N, C-alpha and C. Protein backbone atom coordinates (compact mmCIF):
# COMPACT_ATOMS: atom_id res chain seq x y z
N MET A 1 -7.72 9.62 -2.87
CA MET A 1 -7.55 9.24 -4.24
C MET A 1 -7.41 7.72 -4.33
N ILE A 2 -8.21 7.11 -5.16
CA ILE A 2 -8.14 5.66 -5.35
C ILE A 2 -7.15 5.36 -6.46
N THR A 3 -6.15 4.57 -6.14
CA THR A 3 -5.14 4.19 -7.11
C THR A 3 -5.21 2.70 -7.36
N GLN A 4 -4.48 2.26 -8.38
CA GLN A 4 -4.45 0.84 -8.68
C GLN A 4 -3.84 0.07 -7.51
N SER A 5 -2.86 0.66 -6.85
CA SER A 5 -2.22 0.04 -5.69
C SER A 5 -3.23 -0.15 -4.56
N ASN A 6 -4.09 0.86 -4.31
CA ASN A 6 -5.12 0.74 -3.27
C ASN A 6 -6.09 -0.39 -3.59
N ILE A 7 -6.46 -0.50 -4.84
CA ILE A 7 -7.40 -1.55 -5.24
C ILE A 7 -6.78 -2.93 -5.06
N ILE A 8 -5.51 -3.07 -5.44
CA ILE A 8 -4.82 -4.36 -5.28
C ILE A 8 -4.69 -4.71 -3.81
N ASN A 9 -4.31 -3.73 -2.97
CA ASN A 9 -4.20 -3.98 -1.52
C ASN A 9 -5.54 -4.39 -0.93
N ALA A 10 -6.62 -3.76 -1.35
CA ALA A 10 -7.95 -4.09 -0.85
C ALA A 10 -8.33 -5.52 -1.23
N LEU A 11 -8.04 -5.90 -2.45
CA LEU A 11 -8.36 -7.26 -2.90
C LEU A 11 -7.53 -8.30 -2.17
N ILE A 12 -6.25 -8.00 -1.93
CA ILE A 12 -5.40 -8.94 -1.20
C ILE A 12 -5.92 -9.12 0.23
N LEU A 13 -6.25 -8.02 0.90
CA LEU A 13 -6.78 -8.11 2.26
C LEU A 13 -8.09 -8.89 2.28
N PHE A 14 -8.97 -8.59 1.34
CA PHE A 14 -10.26 -9.29 1.26
C PHE A 14 -10.06 -10.79 1.06
N LYS A 15 -9.21 -11.16 0.11
CA LYS A 15 -8.99 -12.59 -0.18
C LYS A 15 -8.31 -13.30 0.98
N LEU A 16 -7.37 -12.64 1.64
CA LEU A 16 -6.68 -13.23 2.78
C LEU A 16 -7.66 -13.48 3.92
N LEU A 17 -8.46 -12.49 4.25
CA LEU A 17 -9.44 -12.65 5.32
C LEU A 17 -10.45 -13.75 4.96
N PHE A 18 -10.88 -13.78 3.72
CA PHE A 18 -11.84 -14.81 3.31
C PHE A 18 -11.20 -16.19 3.39
N PHE A 19 -9.93 -16.31 3.03
CA PHE A 19 -9.22 -17.59 3.09
C PHE A 19 -9.12 -18.07 4.54
N ILE A 20 -8.84 -17.16 5.47
CA ILE A 20 -8.67 -17.53 6.87
C ILE A 20 -10.00 -17.82 7.55
N ASN A 21 -11.00 -16.98 7.33
CA ASN A 21 -12.27 -17.07 8.07
C ASN A 21 -13.43 -17.64 7.27
N ARG A 22 -13.24 -17.82 5.98
CA ARG A 22 -14.33 -18.25 5.09
C ARG A 22 -15.48 -17.25 5.09
N SER A 23 -15.12 -16.00 5.35
CA SER A 23 -16.10 -14.93 5.36
C SER A 23 -15.37 -13.61 5.15
N ASN A 24 -16.08 -12.62 4.63
CA ASN A 24 -15.48 -11.29 4.47
C ASN A 24 -15.76 -10.42 5.70
N LYS A 25 -16.37 -11.00 6.72
CA LYS A 25 -16.67 -10.26 7.94
C LYS A 25 -15.88 -10.82 9.11
N LYS A 26 -15.51 -9.93 10.02
CA LYS A 26 -14.73 -10.33 11.19
C LYS A 26 -15.29 -9.63 12.41
N ALA A 27 -15.42 -10.36 13.50
CA ALA A 27 -15.93 -9.80 14.75
C ALA A 27 -14.76 -9.28 15.59
N PHE A 28 -14.92 -8.06 16.11
CA PHE A 28 -13.92 -7.46 16.99
C PHE A 28 -14.61 -7.04 18.27
N LYS A 29 -13.95 -7.31 19.40
CA LYS A 29 -14.49 -6.89 20.69
C LYS A 29 -13.80 -5.60 21.10
N SER A 30 -14.59 -4.63 21.47
CA SER A 30 -14.07 -3.37 21.97
C SER A 30 -13.60 -3.58 23.40
N ASN A 31 -12.45 -2.99 23.75
CA ASN A 31 -11.95 -3.15 25.11
C ASN A 31 -12.01 -1.86 25.91
N LYS A 32 -12.70 -0.86 25.37
CA LYS A 32 -12.81 0.41 26.08
C LYS A 32 -14.28 0.78 26.26
N PRO A 33 -14.64 1.18 27.48
CA PRO A 33 -16.01 1.63 27.70
C PRO A 33 -16.28 2.91 26.94
N PRO A 34 -17.47 3.26 26.59
CA PRO A 34 -18.70 2.53 26.88
C PRO A 34 -19.06 1.51 25.81
N LYS A 35 -18.14 1.24 24.92
CA LYS A 35 -18.44 0.36 23.79
C LYS A 35 -17.94 -1.06 24.04
N LEU A 36 -18.29 -1.63 25.17
CA LEU A 36 -17.87 -2.99 25.50
C LEU A 36 -18.79 -3.99 24.80
N LEU A 37 -18.67 -4.04 23.50
CA LEU A 37 -19.51 -4.93 22.73
C LEU A 37 -18.74 -5.42 21.51
N THR A 38 -19.29 -6.39 20.85
CA THR A 38 -18.66 -6.94 19.67
C THR A 38 -19.18 -6.23 18.43
N ARG A 39 -18.27 -5.85 17.57
CA ARG A 39 -18.64 -5.21 16.31
C ARG A 39 -18.22 -6.11 15.16
N ILE A 40 -19.07 -6.19 14.18
CA ILE A 40 -18.77 -6.95 12.98
C ILE A 40 -18.28 -5.97 11.93
N VAL A 41 -17.07 -6.21 11.42
CA VAL A 41 -16.48 -5.35 10.41
C VAL A 41 -16.52 -6.08 9.08
N ASP A 42 -17.05 -5.42 8.08
CA ASP A 42 -17.15 -5.98 6.74
C ASP A 42 -15.96 -5.50 5.92
N PHE A 43 -15.12 -6.44 5.49
CA PHE A 43 -13.92 -6.11 4.74
C PHE A 43 -14.12 -6.17 3.23
N LYS A 44 -15.37 -6.13 2.81
CA LYS A 44 -15.63 -6.18 1.37
C LYS A 44 -15.25 -4.84 0.74
N PRO A 45 -14.38 -4.87 -0.29
CA PRO A 45 -14.00 -3.63 -0.97
C PRO A 45 -15.20 -3.03 -1.69
N PRO A 46 -15.18 -1.77 -2.02
CA PRO A 46 -14.08 -0.82 -1.88
C PRO A 46 -14.06 -0.22 -0.48
N TYR A 47 -12.86 0.16 -0.04
CA TYR A 47 -12.69 0.76 1.27
C TYR A 47 -12.74 2.27 1.17
N LYS A 48 -13.15 2.87 2.25
CA LYS A 48 -13.20 4.32 2.32
C LYS A 48 -11.76 4.84 2.41
N CYS A 49 -11.40 5.76 1.53
CA CYS A 49 -10.08 6.40 1.57
C CYS A 49 -10.21 7.69 2.36
N ILE A 50 -9.32 7.85 3.32
CA ILE A 50 -9.38 9.04 4.17
C ILE A 50 -8.04 9.75 4.19
N SER A 51 -8.09 11.02 4.48
CA SER A 51 -6.89 11.81 4.68
C SER A 51 -6.57 11.80 6.17
N LEU A 52 -5.40 11.30 6.51
CA LEU A 52 -5.02 11.16 7.92
C LEU A 52 -5.08 12.49 8.65
N ILE A 53 -4.48 13.52 8.09
CA ILE A 53 -4.44 14.82 8.76
C ILE A 53 -5.84 15.40 8.91
N GLU A 54 -6.64 15.36 7.85
CA GLU A 54 -8.00 15.91 7.92
C GLU A 54 -8.85 15.19 8.96
N GLU A 55 -8.74 13.88 9.02
CA GLU A 55 -9.53 13.11 9.98
C GLU A 55 -9.06 13.37 11.41
N LEU A 56 -7.74 13.49 11.59
CA LEU A 56 -7.24 13.80 12.93
C LEU A 56 -7.71 15.18 13.39
N GLU A 57 -7.69 16.14 12.48
CA GLU A 57 -8.18 17.48 12.81
C GLU A 57 -9.64 17.44 13.23
N LYS A 58 -10.42 16.65 12.51
CA LYS A 58 -11.85 16.56 12.80
C LYS A 58 -12.10 15.86 14.14
N GLU A 59 -11.44 14.72 14.37
CA GLU A 59 -11.70 13.93 15.58
C GLU A 59 -11.10 14.56 16.83
N LEU A 60 -9.94 15.19 16.69
CA LEU A 60 -9.28 15.78 17.86
C LEU A 60 -9.60 17.25 18.04
N LYS A 61 -10.34 17.81 17.07
CA LYS A 61 -10.74 19.22 17.11
C LYS A 61 -9.53 20.15 17.26
N VAL A 62 -8.55 19.92 16.38
CA VAL A 62 -7.36 20.75 16.31
C VAL A 62 -7.13 21.16 14.86
N LYS A 63 -6.26 22.13 14.66
CA LYS A 63 -5.88 22.54 13.32
C LYS A 63 -4.37 22.43 13.21
N PHE A 64 -3.90 21.56 12.31
CA PHE A 64 -2.47 21.38 12.11
C PHE A 64 -1.94 22.43 11.15
N PRO A 65 -0.66 22.83 11.33
CA PRO A 65 -0.02 23.71 10.35
C PRO A 65 0.09 23.00 9.00
N THR A 66 0.13 23.75 7.93
CA THR A 66 0.17 23.14 6.60
C THR A 66 1.49 22.43 6.30
N ASP A 67 2.59 22.90 6.89
CA ASP A 67 3.90 22.28 6.66
C ASP A 67 4.12 21.18 7.69
N SER A 68 4.01 19.94 7.25
CA SER A 68 4.12 18.81 8.20
C SER A 68 5.56 18.55 8.64
N ASN A 69 6.52 19.25 8.07
CA ASN A 69 7.92 19.10 8.49
C ASN A 69 8.38 20.23 9.41
N SER A 70 7.47 21.10 9.78
CA SER A 70 7.85 22.26 10.59
C SER A 70 7.89 21.91 12.07
N GLU A 71 8.59 22.74 12.81
CA GLU A 71 8.65 22.58 14.26
C GLU A 71 7.29 22.85 14.89
N GLU A 72 6.54 23.74 14.29
CA GLU A 72 5.19 24.05 14.77
C GLU A 72 4.29 22.81 14.69
N PHE A 73 4.41 22.05 13.62
CA PHE A 73 3.64 20.82 13.44
C PHE A 73 4.02 19.81 14.53
N THR A 74 5.33 19.68 14.78
CA THR A 74 5.81 18.76 15.81
C THR A 74 5.28 19.17 17.18
N ASN A 75 5.31 20.46 17.47
CA ASN A 75 4.80 20.95 18.76
C ASN A 75 3.31 20.68 18.90
N CYS A 76 2.58 20.79 17.81
CA CYS A 76 1.15 20.50 17.82
C CYS A 76 0.91 19.02 18.18
N LEU A 77 1.73 18.14 17.60
CA LEU A 77 1.63 16.71 17.91
C LEU A 77 1.99 16.45 19.38
N TYR A 78 3.04 17.10 19.87
CA TYR A 78 3.42 16.95 21.28
C TYR A 78 2.27 17.36 22.19
N ASP A 79 1.62 18.45 21.85
CA ASP A 79 0.48 18.92 22.66
C ASP A 79 -0.63 17.89 22.71
N ILE A 80 -0.86 17.23 21.58
CA ILE A 80 -1.90 16.18 21.53
C ILE A 80 -1.51 15.02 22.44
N PHE A 81 -0.24 14.62 22.40
CA PHE A 81 0.23 13.53 23.26
C PHE A 81 0.04 13.88 24.73
N ILE A 82 0.38 15.09 25.10
CA ILE A 82 0.24 15.52 26.49
C ILE A 82 -1.24 15.57 26.89
N LYS A 83 -2.06 16.18 26.04
CA LYS A 83 -3.49 16.32 26.32
C LYS A 83 -4.19 14.97 26.46
N GLU A 84 -3.82 14.03 25.57
CA GLU A 84 -4.48 12.72 25.56
C GLU A 84 -3.76 11.68 26.43
N ASN A 85 -2.72 12.13 27.14
CA ASN A 85 -1.97 11.25 28.04
C ASN A 85 -1.40 10.02 27.31
N ILE A 86 -0.78 10.27 26.17
CA ILE A 86 -0.14 9.21 25.38
C ILE A 86 1.36 9.29 25.64
N VAL A 87 1.98 8.14 25.88
CA VAL A 87 3.42 8.11 26.13
C VAL A 87 4.17 8.40 24.84
N LEU A 88 5.09 9.35 24.90
CA LEU A 88 5.89 9.71 23.73
C LEU A 88 6.87 8.58 23.41
N PRO A 89 7.02 8.27 22.12
CA PRO A 89 7.98 7.22 21.74
C PRO A 89 9.41 7.73 21.88
N LYS A 90 10.37 6.79 21.85
CA LYS A 90 11.78 7.19 21.91
C LYS A 90 12.18 7.96 20.67
N ILE A 91 11.73 7.50 19.53
CA ILE A 91 12.00 8.19 18.27
C ILE A 91 10.85 9.17 18.05
N LYS A 92 11.15 10.46 18.03
CA LYS A 92 10.10 11.48 17.99
C LYS A 92 10.02 12.18 16.63
N THR A 93 9.98 11.42 15.56
CA THR A 93 9.78 12.02 14.25
C THR A 93 8.29 12.27 14.06
N ASN A 94 7.95 13.20 13.19
CA ASN A 94 6.53 13.47 12.93
C ASN A 94 5.82 12.24 12.41
N THR A 95 6.50 11.46 11.59
CA THR A 95 5.89 10.25 11.04
C THR A 95 5.54 9.27 12.16
N LYS A 96 6.45 9.07 13.08
CA LYS A 96 6.21 8.15 14.20
C LYS A 96 5.09 8.68 15.10
N LEU A 97 5.11 9.98 15.36
CA LEU A 97 4.07 10.57 16.21
C LEU A 97 2.69 10.44 15.56
N LEU A 98 2.62 10.71 14.26
CA LEU A 98 1.34 10.57 13.54
C LEU A 98 0.85 9.13 13.56
N ASP A 99 1.79 8.20 13.45
CA ASP A 99 1.43 6.79 13.46
C ASP A 99 0.75 6.42 14.78
N LEU A 100 1.23 6.98 15.88
CA LEU A 100 0.63 6.67 17.17
C LEU A 100 -0.69 7.40 17.39
N VAL A 101 -0.82 8.60 16.86
CA VAL A 101 -2.05 9.38 17.05
C VAL A 101 -3.18 8.87 16.15
N ARG A 102 -2.84 8.15 15.10
CA ARG A 102 -3.86 7.68 14.14
C ARG A 102 -4.88 6.74 14.78
N GLN A 103 -4.56 6.22 15.97
CA GLN A 103 -5.51 5.33 16.65
C GLN A 103 -6.87 5.99 16.84
N TYR A 104 -6.89 7.32 16.86
CA TYR A 104 -8.15 8.03 17.07
C TYR A 104 -9.09 7.95 15.87
N ILE A 105 -8.57 7.65 14.70
CA ILE A 105 -9.45 7.61 13.54
C ILE A 105 -9.70 6.20 13.02
N ILE A 106 -8.99 5.22 13.52
CA ILE A 106 -9.18 3.85 13.02
C ILE A 106 -10.62 3.41 13.22
N TYR A 107 -11.17 3.65 14.39
CA TYR A 107 -12.53 3.24 14.69
C TYR A 107 -13.52 3.84 13.70
N TYR A 108 -13.33 5.11 13.35
CA TYR A 108 -14.26 5.81 12.49
C TYR A 108 -14.13 5.42 11.02
N SER A 109 -12.99 4.86 10.65
CA SER A 109 -12.79 4.50 9.26
C SER A 109 -13.26 3.08 8.93
N LEU A 110 -13.65 2.32 9.95
CA LEU A 110 -14.11 0.96 9.71
C LEU A 110 -15.49 0.96 9.07
N ASN A 111 -15.71 0.01 8.21
CA ASN A 111 -17.00 -0.14 7.54
C ASN A 111 -17.91 -1.00 8.42
N ILE A 112 -18.53 -0.37 9.46
CA ILE A 112 -19.35 -1.15 10.38
C ILE A 112 -20.78 -0.67 10.35
């Protein structure tokens, strides 16, 4: 869902990047094989809005329980951490765990 807040955040990011680089594009180098190359990311709005849970389900090929506050949901996240060999944080709230697992969808959400 696109909200006024999303639009304002997109414009702020766009203007900040343009102020720093004099361009709306930024080059990023991948540090993981096989994509050891430079990618140009275009920060020109509008940005693609994604659902974190839906994208994680798609990329990790898992199905999360509908109640994100349930113990079953937490166990599902733990399983992902174990399977993907990710170190569990000291604070193990679902929000913190999701924040760490979101790295799997950042690449796919970029406008490249």
